């Protein structure tokens, strides 16, 4: 397991999860501020469990490099490929993962999560 994988693996509390929602003129930034009990749980087998409020989700992820990660349906999915997102912060207490910003005729596609331990 690489150093980055070792640092990322485990349960993180959510500081915020922001993404654009809606299409056309209804496209707007939505920021979810984490609550007690919310988490992103990165497992060593490439599974990611997420709890935001009453919403639960299971995704897969692949650590591409120390600064890049591919998470299913995180950011813009093109040709059925998970987009590569950027790990801009990763230390013992904080992690930030951001997808590239994609501007389309239907609006902006972008996602950023800020996590804490």
PDB file of N, CA and C in Angstrom:
ATOM      1  N   UNK A   1       0.858  -1.175   0.000  1.00  0.00           N
ATOM      2  CA  UNK A   1       0.000   0.000   0.000  1.00  0.00           C
ATOM      3  C   UNK A   1       0.902   1.236   0.000  1.00  0.00           C
ATOM      4  N   UNK A   2       0.630   2.160  -0.912  1.00  0.00           N
ATOM      5  CA  UNK A   2       1.439   3.369  -0.981  1.00  0.00           C
ATOM      6  C   UNK A   2       1.146   4.271   0.212  1.00  0.00           C
ATOM      7  N   UNK A   3       2.026   5.222   0.443  1.00  0.00           N
ATOM      8  CA  UNK A   3       1.833   6.162   1.549  1.00  0.00           C
ATOM      9  C   UNK A   3       0.522   6.914   1.406  1.00  0.00           C
ATOM     10  N   UNK A   4       0.213   7.387   0.179  1.00  0.00           N
ATOM     11  CA  UNK A   4      -1.047   8.114  -0.039  1.00  0.00           C
ATOM     12  C   UNK A   4      -2.247   7.223   0.229  1.00  0.00           C
ATOM     13  N   UNK A   5      -2.185   5.977  -0.243  1.00  0.00           N
ATOM     14  CA  UNK A   5      -3.293   5.052  -0.007  1.00  0.00           C
ATOM     15  C   UNK A   5      -3.468   4.801   1.481  1.00  0.00           C
ATOM     16  N   UNK A   6      -2.364   4.646   2.191  1.00  0.00           N
ATOM     17  CA  UNK A   6      -2.442   4.409   3.632  1.00  0.00           C
ATOM     18  C   UNK A   6      -3.049   5.611   4.348  1.00  0.00           C
ATOM     19  N   UNK A   7      -2.691   6.817   3.908  1.00  0.00           N
ATOM     20  CA  UNK A   7      -3.240   8.019   4.551  1.00  0.00           C
ATOM     21  C   UNK A   7      -4.716   8.217   4.221  1.00  0.00           C
ATOM     22  N   UNK A   8      -5.130   7.825   3.019  1.00  0.00           N
ATOM     23  CA  UNK A   8      -6.518   8.029   2.603  1.00  0.00           C
ATOM     24  C   UNK A   8      -7.456   6.968   3.175  1.00  0.00           C
ATOM     25  N   UNK A   9      -6.967   5.744   3.315  1.00  0.00           N
ATOM     26  CA  UNK A   9      -7.797   4.634   3.772  1.00  0.00           C
ATOM     27  C   UNK A   9      -8.356   4.916   5.162  1.00  0.00           C
ATOM     28  N   UNK A  10      -9.641   4.606   5.323  1.00  0.00           N
ATOM     29  CA  UNK A  10     -10.299   4.764   6.608  1.00  0.00           C
ATOM     30  C   UNK A  10     -11.469   5.723   6.529  1.00  0.00           C
ATOM     31  N   UNK A  11     -12.057   5.966   7.681  1.00  0.00           N
ATOM     32  CA  UNK A  11     -13.271   6.784   7.772  1.00  0.00           C
ATOM     33  C   UNK A  11     -12.918   8.241   8.045  1.00  0.00           C
ATOM     34  N   UNK A  12     -13.513   9.125   7.251  1.00  0.00           N
ATOM     35  CA  UNK A  12     -13.333  10.569   7.362  1.00  0.00           C
ATOM     36  C   UNK A  12     -14.683  11.222   7.620  1.00  0.00           C
ATOM     37  N   UNK A  13     -14.717  12.213   8.488  1.00  0.00           N
ATOM     38  CA  UNK A  13     -15.910  13.030   8.670  1.00  0.00           C
ATOM     39  C   UNK A  13     -16.000  14.034   7.528  1.00  0.00           C
ATOM     40  N   UNK A  14     -17.195  14.455   7.210  1.00  0.00           N
ATOM     41  CA  UNK A  14     -17.401  15.396   6.111  1.00  0.00           C
ATOM     42  C   UNK A  14     -17.429  16.821   6.649  1.00  0.00           C
ATOM     43  N   UNK A  15     -16.565  17.670   6.087  1.00  0.00           N
ATOM     44  CA  UNK A  15     -16.653  19.101   6.341  1.00  0.00           C
ATOM     45  C   UNK A  15     -17.678  19.671   5.376  1.00  0.00           C
ATOM     46  N   UNK A  16     -17.473  19.403   4.072  1.00  0.00           N
ATOM     47  CA  UNK A  16     -18.443  19.846   3.056  1.00  0.00           C
ATOM     48  C   UNK A  16     -18.300  18.999   1.805  1.00  0.00           C
ATOM     49  N   UNK A  17     -19.376  18.924   1.066  1.00  0.00           N
ATOM     50  CA  UNK A  17     -19.430  18.241  -0.230  1.00  0.00           C
ATOM     51  C   UNK A  17     -20.188  19.185  -1.149  1.00  0.00           C
ATOM     52  N   UNK A  18     -19.490  19.761  -2.105  1.00  0.00           N
ATOM     53  CA  UNK A  18     -20.124  20.741  -2.982  1.00  0.00           C
ATOM     54  C   UNK A  18     -20.100  20.263  -4.422  1.00  0.00           C
ATOM     55  N   UNK A  19     -21.216  20.498  -5.118  1.00  0.00           N
ATOM     56  CA  UNK A  19     -21.324  20.128  -6.529  1.00  0.00           C
ATOM     57  C   UNK A  19     -22.408  20.976  -7.183  1.00  0.00           C
ATOM     58  N   UNK A  20     -22.348  21.036  -8.491  1.00  0.00           N
ATOM     59  CA  UNK A  20     -23.362  21.769  -9.244  1.00  0.00           C
ATOM     60  C   UNK A  20     -24.517  20.832  -9.559  1.00  0.00           C
ATOM     61  N   UNK A  21     -25.727  21.319  -9.406  1.00  0.00           N
ATOM     62  CA  UNK A  21     -26.954  20.562  -9.670  1.00  0.00           C
ATOM     63  C   UNK A  21     -27.806  21.330 -10.669  1.00  0.00           C
ATOM     64  N   UNK A  22     -28.660  20.633 -11.368  1.00  0.00           N
ATOM     65  CA  UNK A  22     -29.579  21.269 -12.305  1.00  0.00           C
ATOM     66  C   UNK A  22     -28.966  21.448 -13.693  1.00  0.00           C
ATOM     67  N   UNK A  23     -29.825  21.839 -14.630  1.00  0.00           N
ATOM     68  CA  UNK A  23     -29.428  21.983 -16.028  1.00  0.00           C
ATOM     69  C   UNK A  23     -29.782  23.383 -16.514  1.00  0.00           C
ATOM     70  N   UNK A  24     -28.932  23.934 -17.389  1.00  0.00           N
ATOM     71  CA  UNK A  24     -29.195  25.246 -17.994  1.00  0.00           C
ATOM     72  C   UNK A  24     -29.240  26.344 -16.965  1.00  0.00           C
ATOM     73  N   UNK A  25     -30.274  27.177 -17.033  1.00  0.00           N
ATOM     74  CA  UNK A  25     -30.369  28.304 -16.108  1.00  0.00           C
ATOM     75  C   UNK A  25     -30.602  27.854 -14.666  1.00  0.00           C
ATOM     76  N   UNK A  26     -30.984  26.587 -14.487  1.00  0.00           N
ATOM     77  CA  UNK A  26     -31.192  26.046 -13.143  1.00  0.00           C
ATOM     78  C   UNK A  26     -29.920  25.427 -12.555  1.00  0.00           C
ATOM     79  N   UNK A  27     -28.809  25.459 -13.294  1.00  0.00           N
ATOM     80  CA  UNK A  27     -27.538  24.917 -12.826  1.00  0.00           C
ATOM     81  C   UNK A  27     -26.995  25.834 -11.727  1.00  0.00           C
ATOM     82  N   UNK A  28     -26.746  25.275 -10.546  1.00  0.00           N
ATOM     83  CA  UNK A  28     -26.280  26.087  -9.428  1.00  0.00           C
ATOM     84  C   UNK A  28     -25.456  25.234  -8.462  1.00  0.00           C
ATOM     85  N   UNK A  29     -24.605  25.898  -7.707  1.00  0.00           N
ATOM     86  CA  UNK A  29     -23.761  25.229  -6.727  1.00  0.00           C
ATOM     87  C   UNK A  29     -24.585  24.876  -5.489  1.00  0.00           C
ATOM     88  N   UNK A  30     -24.445  23.623  -5.057  1.00  0.00           N
ATOM     89  CA  UNK A  30     -25.094  23.151  -3.843  1.00  0.00           C
ATOM     90  C   UNK A  30     -23.995  22.676  -2.898  1.00  0.00           C
ATOM     91  N   UNK A  31     -23.992  23.186  -1.695  1.00  0.00           N
ATOM     92  CA  UNK A  31     -22.986  22.805  -0.702  1.00  0.00           C
ATOM     93  C   UNK A  31     -23.680  22.072   0.438  1.00  0.00           C
ATOM     94  N   UNK A  32     -23.247  20.845   0.663  1.00  0.00           N
ATOM     95  CA  UNK A  32     -23.734  20.076   1.797  1.00  0.00           C
ATOM     96  C   UNK A  32     -22.692  20.209   2.904  1.00  0.00           C
ATOM     97  N   UNK A  33     -23.089  20.701   4.050  1.00  0.00           N
ATOM     98  CA  UNK A  33     -22.200  20.806   5.206  1.00  0.00           C
ATOM     99  C   UNK A  33     -22.400  19.570   6.066  1.00  0.00           C
ATOM    100  N   UNK A  34     -21.313  18.868   6.308  1.00  0.00           N
ATOM    101  CA  UNK A  34     -21.377  17.618   7.045  1.00  0.00           C
ATOM    102  C   UNK A  34     -21.969  17.766   8.437  1.00  0.00           C
ATOM    103  N   UNK A  35     -22.652  16.727   8.860  1.00  0.00           N
ATOM    104  CA  UNK A  35     -23.265  16.654  10.189  1.00  0.00           C
ATOM    105  C   UNK A  35     -22.595  15.531  10.979  1.00  0.00           C
ATOM    106  N   UNK A  36     -22.806  15.506  12.270  1.00  0.00           N
ATOM    107  CA  UNK A  36     -22.273  14.420  13.097  1.00  0.00           C
ATOM    108  C   UNK A  36     -22.768  13.084  12.543  1.00  0.00           C
ATOM    109  N   UNK A  37     -21.872  12.136  12.394  1.00  0.00           N
ATOM    110  CA  UNK A  37     -22.237  10.807  11.893  1.00  0.00           C
ATOM    111  C   UNK A  37     -22.056  10.644  10.390  1.00  0.00           C
ATOM    112  N   UNK A  38     -21.853  11.723   9.649  1.00  0.00           N
ATOM    113  CA  UNK A  38     -21.600  11.638   8.199  1.00  0.00           C
ATOM    114  C   UNK A  38     -20.170  11.176   7.965  1.00  0.00           C
ATOM    115  N   UNK A  39     -19.944  10.479   6.849  1.00  0.00           N
ATOM    116  CA  UNK A  39     -18.585  10.008   6.576  1.00  0.00           C
ATOM    117  C   UNK A  39     -18.355   9.664   5.108  1.00  0.00           C
ATOM    118  N   UNK A  40     -17.091   9.640   4.744  1.00  0.00           N
ATOM    119  CA  UNK A  40     -16.560   9.009   3.540  1.00  0.00           C
ATOM    120  C   UNK A  40     -15.616   7.947   4.089  1.00  0.00           C
ATOM    121  N   UNK A  41     -15.854   6.690   3.788  1.00  0.00           N
ATOM    122  CA  UNK A  41     -15.049   5.587   4.311  1.00  0.00           C
ATOM    123  C   UNK A  41     -14.351   4.897   3.143  1.00  0.00           C
ATOM    124  N   UNK A  42     -13.072   5.204   2.960  1.00  0.00           N
ATOM    125  CA  UNK A  42     -12.269   4.627   1.879  1.00  0.00           C
ATOM    126  C   UNK A  42     -11.695   3.304   2.366  1.00  0.00           C
ATOM    127  N   UNK A  43     -12.102   2.201   1.735  1.00  0.00           N
ATOM    128  CA  UNK A  43     -11.599   0.886   2.119  1.00  0.00           C
ATOM    129  C   UNK A  43     -10.408   0.499   1.239  1.00  0.00           C
ATOM    130  N   UNK A  44      -9.533  -0.316   1.762  1.00  0.00           N
ATOM    131  CA  UNK A  44      -8.325  -0.734   1.049  1.00  0.00           C
ATOM    132  C   UNK A  44      -8.643  -1.510  -0.231  1.00  0.00           C
ATOM    133  N   UNK A  45      -9.848  -2.101  -0.322  1.00  0.00           N
ATOM    134  CA  UNK A  45     -10.209  -2.876  -1.516  1.00  0.00           C
ATOM    135  C   UNK A  45     -10.766  -2.016  -2.653  1.00  0.00           C
ATOM    136  N   UNK A  46     -10.735  -0.673  -2.508  1.00  0.00           N
ATOM    137  CA  UNK A  46     -11.223   0.211  -3.559  1.00  0.00           C
ATOM    138  C   UNK A  46     -12.699   0.553  -3.453  1.00  0.00           C
ATOM    139  N   UNK A  47     -13.325   0.208  -2.338  1.00  0.00           N
ATOM    140  CA  UNK A  47     -14.729   0.537  -2.110  1.00  0.00           C
ATOM    141  C   UNK A  47     -14.804   1.801  -1.260  1.00  0.00           C
ATOM    142  N   UNK A  48     -15.745   2.676  -1.598  1.00  0.00           N
ATOM    143  CA  UNK A  48     -15.970   3.920  -0.854  1.00  0.00           C
ATOM    144  C   UNK A  48     -17.411   3.936  -0.377  1.00  0.00           C
ATOM    145  N   UNK A  49     -17.598   3.972   0.947  1.00  0.00           N
ATOM    146  CA  UNK A  49     -18.922   4.072   1.547  1.00  0.00           C
ATOM    147  C   UNK A  49     -19.136   5.523   1.983  1.00  0.00           C
ATOM    148  N   UNK A  50     -20.302   6.060   1.645  1.00  0.00           N
ATOM    149  CA  UNK A  50     -20.613   7.454   1.963  1.00  0.00           C
ATOM    150  C   UNK A  50     -21.933   7.516   2.719  1.00  0.00           C
ATOM    151  N   UNK A  51     -21.950   8.345   3.751  1.00  0.00           N
ATOM    152  CA  UNK A  51     -23.193   8.654   4.469  1.00  0.00           C
ATOM    153  C   UNK A  51     -23.276  10.164   4.591  1.00  0.00           C
ATOM    154  N   UNK A  52     -24.310  10.739   4.009  1.00  0.00           N
ATOM    155  CA  UNK A  52     -24.598  12.172   4.132  1.00  0.00           C
ATOM    156  C   UNK A  52     -26.041  12.301   4.585  1.00  0.00           C
ATOM    157  N   UNK A  53     -26.228  12.624   5.860  1.00  0.00           N
ATOM    158  CA  UNK A  53     -27.585  12.678   6.401  1.00  0.00           C
ATOM    159  C   UNK A  53     -28.200  11.293   6.326  1.00  0.00           C
ATOM    160  N   UNK A  54     -29.380  11.187   5.731  1.00  0.00           N
ATOM    161  CA  UNK A  54     -30.043   9.891   5.602  1.00  0.00           C
ATOM    162  C   UNK A  54     -29.657   9.169   4.313  1.00  0.00           C
ATOM    163  N   UNK A  55     -28.821   9.794   3.471  1.00  0.00           N
ATOM    164  CA  UNK A  55     -28.416   9.198   2.199  1.00  0.00           C
ATOM    165  C   UNK A  55     -27.171   8.338   2.364  1.00  0.00           C
ATOM    166  N   UNK A  56     -27.250   7.126   1.847  1.00  0.00           N
ATOM    167  CA  UNK A  56     -26.122   6.203   1.855  1.00  0.00           C
ATOM    168  C   UNK A  56     -25.748   5.886   0.418  1.00  0.00           C
ATOM    169  N   UNK A  57     -24.460   5.724   0.136  1.00  0.00           N
ATOM    170  CA  UNK A  57     -24.021   5.381  -1.213  1.00  0.00           C
ATOM    171  C   UNK A  57     -22.773   4.520  -1.112  1.00  0.00           C
ATOM    172  N   UNK A  58     -22.586   3.661  -2.096  1.00  0.00           N
ATOM    173  CA  UNK A  58     -21.397   2.838  -2.219  1.00  0.00           C
ATOM    174  C   UNK A  58     -20.823   3.060  -3.602  1.00  0.00           C
ATOM    175  N   UNK A  59     -19.577   3.506  -3.659  1.00  0.00           N
ATOM    176  CA  UNK A  59     -18.895   3.773  -4.924  1.00  0.00           C
ATOM    177  C   UNK A  59     -17.595   2.984  -4.945  1.00  0.00           C
ATOM    178  N   UNK A  60     -16.924   3.033  -6.077  1.00  0.00           N
ATOM    179  CA  UNK A  60     -15.586   2.460  -6.134  1.00  0.00           C
ATOM    180  C   UNK A  60     -14.608   3.581  -6.442  1.00  0.00           C
ATOM    181  N   UNK A  61     -13.368   3.372  -6.051  1.00  0.00           N
ATOM    182  CA  UNK A  61     -12.338   4.368  -6.326  1.00  0.00           C
ATOM    183  C   UNK A  61     -11.030   3.665  -6.651  1.00  0.00           C
ATOM    184  N   UNK A  62     -10.166   4.386  -7.340  1.00  0.00           N
ATOM    185  CA  UNK A  62      -8.834   3.881  -7.638  1.00  0.00           C
ATOM    186  C   UNK A  62      -7.855   5.024  -7.456  1.00  0.00           C
ATOM    187  N   UNK A  63      -6.858   4.825  -6.637  1.00  0.00           N
ATOM    188  CA  UNK A  63      -5.824   5.830  -6.446  1.00  0.00           C
ATOM    189  C   UNK A  63      -4.867   5.716  -7.628  1.00  0.00           C
ATOM    190  N   UNK A  64      -4.813   6.763  -8.453  1.00  0.00           N
ATOM    191  CA  UNK A  64      -3.992   6.765  -9.662  1.00  0.00           C
ATOM    192  C   UNK A  64      -2.545   7.127  -9.312  1.00  0.00           C
ATOM    193  N   UNK A  65      -2.368   8.122  -8.480  1.00  0.00           N
ATOM    194  CA  UNK A  65      -1.048   8.565  -8.024  1.00  0.00           C
ATOM    195  C   UNK A  65      -1.233   9.219  -6.659  1.00  0.00           C
ATOM    196  N   UNK A  66      -0.172   9.791  -6.135  1.00  0.00           N
ATOM    197  CA  UNK A  66      -0.256  10.448  -4.824  1.00  0.00           C
ATOM    198  C   UNK A  66      -1.202  11.635  -4.836  1.00  0.00           C
ATOM    199  N   UNK A  67      -1.464  12.195  -6.006  1.00  0.00           N
ATOM    200  CA  UNK A  67      -2.301  13.393  -6.117  1.00  0.00           C
ATOM    201  C   UNK A  67      -3.532  13.197  -6.999  1.00  0.00           C
ATOM    202  N   UNK A  68      -3.773  11.972  -7.483  1.00  0.00           N
ATOM    203  CA  UNK A  68      -4.915  11.730  -8.381  1.00  0.00           C
ATOM    204  C   UNK A  68      -5.693  10.495  -7.958  1.00  0.00           C
ATOM    205  N   UNK A  69      -7.022  10.608  -8.053  1.00  0.00           N
ATOM    206  CA  UNK A  69      -7.919   9.526  -7.676  1.00  0.00           C
ATOM    207  C   UNK A  69      -9.093   9.504  -8.655  1.00  0.00           C
ATOM    208  N   UNK A  70      -9.536   8.318  -9.016  1.00  0.00           N
ATOM    209  CA  UNK A  70     -10.737   8.163  -9.842  1.00  0.00           C
ATOM    210  C   UNK A  70     -11.829   7.578  -8.958  1.00  0.00           C
ATOM    211  N   UNK A  71     -12.950   8.298  -8.846  1.00  0.00           N
ATOM    212  CA  UNK A  71     -14.091   7.856  -8.052  1.00  0.00           C
ATOM    213  C   UNK A  71     -15.287   7.771  -8.995  1.00  0.00           C
ATOM    214  N   UNK A  72     -15.980   6.626  -9.000  1.00  0.00           N
ATOM    215  CA  UNK A  72     -17.136   6.486  -9.878  1.00  0.00           C
ATOM    216  C   UNK A  72     -18.142   7.588  -9.595  1.00  0.00           C
ATOM    217  N   UNK A  73     -18.713   8.136 -10.636  1.00  0.00           N
ATOM    218  CA  UNK A  73     -19.715   9.212 -10.678  1.00  0.00           C
ATOM    219  C   UNK A  73     -19.329  10.464  -9.904  1.00  0.00           C
ATOM    220  N   UNK A  74     -18.059  10.735  -9.766  1.00  0.00           N
ATOM    221  CA  UNK A  74     -17.585  11.947  -9.089  1.00  0.00           C
ATOM    222  C   UNK A  74     -17.035  12.857 -10.173  1.00  0.00           C
ATOM    223  N   UNK A  75     -17.720  13.942 -10.456  1.00  0.00           N
ATOM    224  CA  UNK A  75     -17.326  14.799 -11.575  1.00  0.00           C
ATOM    225  C   UNK A  75     -17.990  14.328 -12.854  1.00  0.00           C
ATOM    226  N   UNK A  76     -17.413  14.668 -13.987  1.00  0.00           N
ATOM    227  CA  UNK A  76     -17.988  14.341 -15.290  1.00  0.00           C
ATOM    228  C   UNK A  76     -17.525  12.963 -15.745  1.00  0.00           C
ATOM    229  N   UNK A  77     -18.471  12.051 -16.000  1.00  0.00           N
ATOM    230  CA  UNK A  77     -18.150  10.737 -16.527  1.00  0.00           C
ATOM    231  C   UNK A  77     -18.225  10.813 -18.042  1.00  0.00           C
ATOM    232  N   UNK A  78     -17.119  10.528 -18.690  1.00  0.00           N
ATOM    233  CA  UNK A  78     -17.035  10.609 -20.150  1.00  0.00           C
ATOM    234  C   UNK A  78     -16.690   9.235 -20.686  1.00  0.00           C
ATOM    235  N   UNK A  79     -17.491   8.755 -21.661  1.00  0.00           N
ATOM    236  CA  UNK A  79     -17.285   7.431 -22.257  1.00  0.00           C
ATOM    237  C   UNK A  79     -17.214   6.335 -21.201  1.00  0.00           C
ATOM    238  N   UNK A  80     -18.068   6.410 -20.210  1.00  0.00           N
ATOM    239  CA  UNK A  80     -18.179   5.425 -19.129  1.00  0.00           C
ATOM    240  C   UNK A  80     -16.924   5.313 -18.271  1.00  0.00           C
ATOM    241  N   UNK A  81     -16.019   6.271 -18.351  1.00  0.00           N
ATOM    242  CA  UNK A  81     -14.809   6.254 -17.538  1.00  0.00           C
ATOM    243  C   UNK A  81     -14.977   7.185 -16.343  1.00  0.00           C
ATOM    244  N   UNK A  82     -14.518   6.725 -15.200  1.00  0.00           N
ATOM    245  CA  UNK A  82     -14.542   7.589 -14.024  1.00  0.00           C
ATOM    246  C   UNK A  82     -13.512   8.693 -14.223  1.00  0.00           C
ATOM    247  N   UNK A  83     -13.895   9.928 -13.972  1.00  0.00           N
ATOM    248  CA  UNK A  83     -12.949  11.025 -14.155  1.00  0.00           C
ATOM    249  C   UNK A  83     -11.848  10.992 -13.088  1.00  0.00           C
ATOM    250  N   UNK A  84     -10.702  11.514 -13.444  1.00  0.00           N
ATOM    251  CA  UNK A  84      -9.613  11.622 -12.494  1.00  0.00           C
ATOM    252  C   UNK A  84      -9.783  12.934 -11.737  1.00  0.00           C
ATOM    253  N   UNK A  85      -9.834  12.841 -10.428  1.00  0.00           N
ATOM    254  CA  UNK A  85      -9.938  14.013  -9.569  1.00  0.00           C
ATOM    255  C   UNK A  85      -8.592  14.249  -8.907  1.00  0.00           C
ATOM    256  N   UNK A  86      -8.444  15.424  -8.309  1.00  0.00           N
ATOM    257  CA  UNK A  86      -7.167  15.821  -7.737  1.00  0.00           C
ATOM    258  C   UNK A  86      -7.256  15.866  -6.219  1.00  0.00           C
ATOM    259  N   UNK A  87      -6.276  15.249  -5.576  1.00  0.00           N
ATOM    260  CA  UNK A  87      -6.166  15.297  -4.122  1.00  0.00           C
ATOM    261  C   UNK A  87      -5.299  16.511  -3.820  1.00  0.00           C
ATOM    262  N   UNK A  88      -5.929  17.588  -3.389  1.00  0.00           N
ATOM    263  CA  UNK A  88      -5.185  18.827  -3.167  1.00  0.00           C
ATOM    264  C   UNK A  88      -4.665  18.942  -1.742  1.00  0.00           C
ATOM    265  N   UNK A  89      -5.282  18.215  -0.814  1.00  0.00           N
ATOM    266  CA  UNK A  89      -4.815  18.163   0.569  1.00  0.00           C
ATOM    267  C   UNK A  89      -4.958  16.727   1.044  1.00  0.00           C
ATOM    268  N   UNK A  90      -3.913  16.189   1.663  1.00  0.00           N
ATOM    269  CA  UNK A  90      -3.996  14.870   2.282  1.00  0.00           C
ATOM    270  C   UNK A  90      -2.945  14.792   3.376  1.00  0.00           C
ATOM    271  N   UNK A  91      -3.422  14.882   4.618  1.00  0.00           N
ATOM    272  CA  UNK A  91      -2.534  14.719   5.767  1.00  0.00           C
ATOM    273  C   UNK A  91      -3.300  13.947   6.837  1.00  0.00           C
ATOM    274  N   UNK A  92      -2.761  13.860   7.999  1.00  0.00           N
ATOM    275  CA  UNK A  92      -3.380  13.062   9.056  1.00  0.00           C
ATOM    276  C   UNK A  92      -4.756  13.568   9.471  1.00  0.00           C
ATOM    277  N   UNK A  93      -5.042  14.855   9.224  1.00  0.00           N
ATOM    278  CA  UNK A  93      -6.286  15.436   9.732  1.00  0.00           C
ATOM    279  C   UNK A  93      -7.248  15.952   8.669  1.00  0.00           C
ATOM    280  N   UNK A  94      -6.758  16.238   7.470  1.00  0.00           N
ATOM    281  CA  UNK A  94      -7.612  16.820   6.437  1.00  0.00           C
ATOM    282  C   UNK A  94      -7.330  16.210   5.071  1.00  0.00           C
ATOM    283  N   UNK A  95      -8.392  16.133   4.261  1.00  0.00           N
ATOM    284  CA  UNK A  95      -8.269  15.705   2.864  1.00  0.00           C
ATOM    285  C   UNK A  95      -9.234  16.549   2.028  1.00  0.00           C
ATOM    286  N   UNK A  96      -8.778  16.965   0.866  1.00  0.00           N
ATOM    287  CA  UNK A  96      -9.631  17.666  -0.090  1.00  0.00           C
ATOM    288  C   UNK A  96      -9.459  17.000  -1.442  1.00  0.00           C
ATOM    289  N   UNK A  97     -10.571  16.637  -2.059  1.00  0.00           N
ATOM    290  CA  UNK A  97     -10.568  16.002  -3.372  1.00  0.00           C
ATOM    291  C   UNK A  97     -11.488  16.817  -4.270  1.00  0.00           C
ATOM    292  N   UNK A  98     -10.971  17.211  -5.440  1.00  0.00           N
ATOM    293  CA  UNK A  98     -11.742  18.058  -6.354  1.00  0.00           C
ATOM    294  C   UNK A  98     -11.673  17.521  -7.772  1.00  0.00           C
ATOM    295  N   UNK A  99     -12.824  17.449  -8.412  1.00  0.00           N
ATOM    296  CA  UNK A  99     -12.858  17.083  -9.824  1.00  0.00           C
ATOM    297  C   UNK A  99     -12.495  18.308 -10.654  1.00  0.00           C
ATOM    298  N   UNK A 100     -12.118  18.072 -11.899  1.00  0.00           N
ATOM    299  CA  UNK A 100     -11.904  19.195 -12.809  1.00  0.00           C
ATOM    300  C   UNK A 100     -13.242  19.863 -13.080  1.00  0.00           C
ATOM    301  N   UNK A 101     -13.223  21.152 -13.328  1.00  0.00           N
ATOM    302  CA  UNK A 101     -14.434  21.897 -13.672  1.00  0.00           C
ATOM    303  C   UNK A 101     -14.677  21.732 -15.168  1.00  0.00           C
ATOM    304  N   UNK A 102     -15.850  21.247 -15.511  1.00  0.00           N
ATOM    305  CA  UNK A 102     -16.233  21.069 -16.906  1.00  0.00           C
ATOM    306  C   UNK A 102     -17.444  21.955 -17.178  1.00  0.00           C
ATOM    307  N   UNK A 103     -17.308  22.866 -18.134  1.00  0.00           N
ATOM    308  CA  UNK A 103     -18.410  23.755 -18.511  1.00  0.00           C
ATOM    309  C   UNK A 103     -19.031  23.201 -19.783  1.00  0.00           C
ATOM    310  N   UNK A 104     -20.329  22.883 -19.713  1.00  0.00           N
ATOM    311  CA  UNK A 104     -21.064  22.318 -20.848  1.00  0.00           C
ATOM    312  C   UNK A 104     -22.237  23.238 -21.186  1.00  0.00           C
ATOM    313  N   UNK A 105     -22.879  23.010 -22.321  1.00  0.00           N
ATOM    314  CA  UNK A 105     -24.082  23.806 -22.630  1.00  0.00           C
ATOM    315  C   UNK A 105     -25.179  23.652 -21.574  1.00  0.00           C
ATOM    316  N   UNK A 106     -25.173  22.508 -20.862  1.00  0.00           N
ATOM    317  CA  UNK A 106     -26.169  22.276 -19.827  1.00  0.00           C
ATOM    318  C   UNK A 106     -25.797  22.844 -18.473  1.00  0.00           C
ATOM    319  N   UNK A 107     -24.556  23.297 -18.327  1.00  0.00           N
ATOM    320  CA  UNK A 107     -24.121  23.868 -17.063  1.00  0.00           C
ATOM    321  C   UNK A 107     -22.761  23.350 -16.636  1.00  0.00           C
ATOM    322  N   UNK A 108     -22.406  23.656 -15.434  1.00  0.00           N
ATOM    323  CA  UNK A 108     -21.109  23.289 -14.876  1.00  0.00           C
ATOM    324  C   UNK A 108     -21.206  21.926 -14.190  1.00  0.00           C
ATOM    325  N   UNK A 109     -20.158  21.133 -14.380  1.00  0.00           N
ATOM    326  CA  UNK A 109     -20.026  19.864 -13.666  1.00  0.00           C
ATOM    327  C   UNK A 109     -18.731  19.963 -12.866  1.00  0.00           C
ATOM    328  N   UNK A 110     -18.854  19.893 -11.551  1.00  0.00           N
ATOM    329  CA  UNK A 110     -17.687  19.989 -10.676  1.00  0.00           C
ATOM    330  C   UNK A 110     -18.090  19.474  -9.300  1.00  0.00           C
ATOM    331  N   UNK A 111     -17.170  18.842  -8.620  1.00  0.00           N
ATOM    332  CA  UNK A 111     -17.439  18.313  -7.285  1.00  0.00           C
ATOM    333  C   UNK A 111     -16.196  18.479  -6.424  1.00  0.00           C
ATOM    334  N   UNK A 112     -16.379  18.928  -5.193  1.00  0.00           N
ATOM    335  CA  UNK A 112     -15.276  19.077  -4.248  1.00  0.00           C
ATOM    336  C   UNK A 112     -15.732  18.573  -2.884  1.00  0.00           C
ATOM    337  N   UNK A 113     -14.922  17.693  -2.289  1.00  0.00           N
ATOM    338  CA  UNK A 113     -15.220  17.251  -0.934  1.00  0.00           C
ATOM    339  C   UNK A 113     -14.073  17.657  -0.016  1.00  0.00           C
ATOM    340  N   UNK A 114     -14.438  18.095   1.176  1.00  0.00           N
ATOM    341  CA  UNK A 114     -13.471  18.445   2.209  1.00  0.00           C
ATOM    342  C   UNK A 114     -13.765  17.536   3.400  1.00  0.00           C
ATOM    343  N   UNK A 115     -12.748  16.816   3.826  1.00  0.00           N
ATOM    344  CA  UNK A 115     -12.908  15.804   4.861  1.00  0.00           C
ATOM    345  C   UNK A 115     -11.977  16.074   6.044  1.00  0.00           C
ATOM    346  N   UNK A 116     -12.328  15.491   7.193  1.00  0.00           N
ATOM    347  CA  UNK A 116     -11.512  15.657   8.399  1.00  0.00           C
ATOM    348  C   UNK A 116     -11.507  14.372   9.217  1.00  0.00           C
ATOM    349  N   UNK A 117     -10.472  14.249  10.051  1.00  0.00           N
ATOM    350  CA  UNK A 117     -10.407  13.128  11.011  1.00  0.00           C
ATOM    351  C   UNK A 117     -10.203  13.697  12.389  1.00  0.00           C
TER     352      UNK A 117
END
